[in-house]
Every structure is written in structure tokens, then in C-alpha cells.
């Protein structure tokens, strides 16, 4: 799928809806970061490139994009394997992706990225039924 088409689809979804694209879903939500080390919900240890999300997304690939103040797609933030889950309502409902970082400084760098350009932590979350 071309990035232009993806950009158009993301722009059209705006803030509240989801779009199913065969084995892909795009949602509007928020990104956070955590640095607690240990075993994830998948049984693997925490490492770079993983995130926590909705229980049903365990094992799926997550692509995060900035959601600009005008609801247009911004820069791609990263591609992650959803190997962890969490207990907060936002994670359980699929409104939040929590990206694992190695330490507090890296968490802060990640949060600075998702707050760039007036994004205020708003992201587009693309959930893909594929190995990371």
C-alpha cells in the first residue's frame, strides 16, 4: 500500500474511528513509554522494539505515527512488536500504546518525540496481523 494512500486513509479516520484494511487496523490514540524490565505478557523479556497494548493485539505488529493538531498524519514514530499488555483502562481498550525503553532518559526522549509539532501525545496506531 502506498504511503500516499495510507496518509489519506489516516487523515480521513480523524480522531474517533477505526478502519479495517484486510489484516490491518488504524486507530487514533496516545503513546506513552515505560522502562520496567522483566518478563512480558508474551513470556519474552523486555527489549528494544516492543510495546504494550490491548490483550487482543499480543503478537501483532504496531506502527505508530504522529497525529498532528489538524488530525493529519505526521512522521512515523516507529514499528514495534506488541509483546506486553497492561492494566490501565487505556491499554485494555486499545486507546494507548506503551513503548518499552531501556531507561528513564530514553522514555523522556520518546515522549519528547510524540509531543513534537503540537501532537500532545496523540498518535495513529496501525495494528497489523504480522510478526514484528
Protein backbone atom coordinates (compact mmCIF):
# COMPACT_ATOMS: atom_id res chain seq x y z
CA UNK A 1 0.00 0.00 0.00
CA UNK A 2 1.49 3.36 -0.96
CA UNK A 3 2.33 5.85 1.75
CA UNK A 4 0.15 8.43 -0.02
CA UNK A 5 -2.88 6.13 0.24
CA UNK A 6 -2.05 5.34 3.87
CA UNK A 7 -1.74 9.06 4.60
CA UNK A 8 -5.13 9.69 3.01
CA UNK A 9 -6.78 6.88 4.99
CA UNK A 10 -5.23 8.10 8.24
CA UNK A 11 -6.34 11.67 7.56
CA UNK A 12 -9.89 10.50 6.87
CA UNK A 13 -10.16 8.48 10.09
CA UNK A 14 -9.63 11.61 12.21
CA UNK A 15 -9.80 11.18 15.96
CA UNK A 16 -12.51 8.70 16.82
CA UNK A 17 -12.84 5.94 14.27
CA UNK A 18 -11.05 2.81 13.15
CA UNK A 19 -10.56 1.46 9.66
CA UNK A 20 -10.09 -2.22 8.81
CA UNK A 21 -7.72 -2.81 5.90
CA UNK A 22 -7.75 -6.59 5.39
CA UNK A 23 -5.31 -7.61 8.14
CA UNK A 24 -4.60 -4.05 9.31
CA UNK A 25 -6.49 -1.65 11.60
CA UNK A 26 -5.78 2.06 12.14
CA UNK A 27 -6.85 3.80 15.35
CA UNK A 28 -6.41 7.16 16.94
CA UNK A 29 -4.89 7.08 20.42
CA UNK A 30 -2.00 8.05 22.64
CA UNK A 31 1.58 6.85 23.10
CA UNK A 32 3.38 6.51 26.40
CA UNK A 33 6.65 4.87 27.46
CA UNK A 34 7.76 2.55 30.26
CA UNK A 35 11.11 1.16 31.38
CA UNK A 36 10.22 -1.61 33.82
CA UNK A 37 12.38 -4.62 32.94
CA UNK A 38 11.19 -8.19 33.22
CA UNK A 39 9.09 -10.85 31.55
CA UNK A 40 6.32 -9.56 29.28
CA UNK A 41 2.82 -10.99 28.88
CA UNK A 42 4.16 -12.98 25.91
CA UNK A 43 6.77 -14.70 28.09
CA UNK A 44 9.68 -12.84 26.47
CA UNK A 45 11.94 -10.41 28.31
CA UNK A 46 11.58 -6.69 27.71
CA UNK A 47 13.83 -5.34 24.96
CA UNK A 48 14.04 -2.55 22.41
CA UNK A 49 11.32 -2.66 19.77
CA UNK A 50 8.43 -3.92 21.89
CA UNK A 51 5.33 -2.28 23.24
CA UNK A 52 2.36 -3.00 25.47
CA UNK A 53 -1.15 -2.78 24.10
CA UNK A 54 -4.59 -4.32 24.13
CA UNK A 55 -4.66 -8.03 25.07
CA UNK A 56 -6.02 -8.99 21.62
CA UNK A 57 -3.03 -7.32 19.95
CA UNK A 58 -0.46 -9.56 21.64
CA UNK A 59 1.90 -10.85 18.92
CA UNK A 60 0.84 -8.25 16.34
CA UNK A 61 2.96 -5.52 14.76
CA UNK A 62 2.23 -1.92 15.77
CA UNK A 63 3.25 1.09 13.68
CA UNK A 64 2.94 4.50 15.36
CA UNK A 65 2.59 7.81 13.53
CA UNK A 66 2.32 11.31 14.91
CA UNK A 67 -1.21 12.70 14.76
CA UNK A 68 -0.83 16.40 14.03
CA UNK A 69 -3.15 19.02 15.58
CA UNK A 70 -5.17 19.17 12.32
CA UNK A 71 -5.59 15.35 12.54
CA UNK A 72 -3.28 14.76 9.57
CA UNK A 73 -0.63 12.08 9.69
CA UNK A 74 2.80 13.19 10.83
CA UNK A 75 6.13 11.40 10.95
CA UNK A 76 6.33 7.68 11.54
CA UNK A 77 7.45 7.22 15.14
CA UNK A 78 8.38 3.55 14.98
CA UNK A 79 7.48 -0.08 14.39
CA UNK A 80 7.00 -2.32 17.44
CA UNK A 81 6.09 -5.86 18.37
CA UNK A 82 3.18 -5.96 20.80
CA UNK A 83 4.56 -8.44 23.33
CA UNK A 84 3.16 -6.94 26.52
CA UNK A 85 -0.16 -5.85 27.95
CA UNK A 86 -1.10 -3.70 30.91
CA UNK A 87 -3.75 -3.00 33.47
CA UNK A 88 -4.67 0.60 32.69
CA UNK A 89 -8.03 1.26 31.01
CA UNK A 90 -6.34 2.94 28.02
CA UNK A 91 -4.20 -0.12 27.31
CA UNK A 92 -7.07 -2.56 27.83
CA UNK A 93 -9.34 -0.57 25.49
CA UNK A 94 -6.74 -0.05 22.76
CA UNK A 95 -6.51 3.72 23.18
CA UNK A 96 -2.88 3.69 24.39
CA UNK A 97 0.34 2.07 23.21
CA UNK A 98 3.08 1.89 25.85
CA UNK A 99 6.53 1.61 24.25
CA UNK A 100 9.31 -0.08 26.24
CA UNK A 101 12.51 1.94 26.66
CA UNK A 102 15.73 0.91 28.37
CA UNK A 103 15.77 3.72 30.97
CA UNK A 104 14.03 6.91 32.11
CA UNK A 105 16.16 9.12 29.85
CA UNK A 106 15.11 7.09 26.80
CA UNK A 107 11.47 7.24 27.95
CA UNK A 108 11.77 11.03 28.10
CA UNK A 109 13.31 11.14 24.60
CA UNK A 110 10.41 9.05 23.28
CA UNK A 111 7.83 11.27 24.98
CA UNK A 112 9.54 14.39 23.55
CA UNK A 113 9.14 12.82 20.09
CA UNK A 114 5.41 12.14 20.48
CA UNK A 115 4.87 15.66 21.82
CA UNK A 116 6.71 17.30 18.88
CA UNK A 117 4.89 19.58 16.46
CA UNK A 118 2.00 20.13 18.89
CA UNK A 119 0.98 16.44 18.82
CA UNK A 120 0.44 16.31 22.62
CA UNK A 121 0.98 12.54 22.69
CA UNK A 122 -1.70 11.90 20.06
CA UNK A 123 -0.79 9.17 17.60
CA UNK A 124 -2.26 6.99 14.92
CA UNK A 125 -1.87 3.33 15.82
CA UNK A 126 -1.70 0.85 12.95
CA UNK A 127 -2.23 -2.74 14.10
CA UNK A 128 -1.01 -5.33 11.63
CA UNK A 129 -1.60 -9.06 11.92
CA UNK A 130 2.02 -9.93 11.16
CA UNK A 131 5.15 -10.93 13.01
CA UNK A 132 7.31 -7.98 14.08
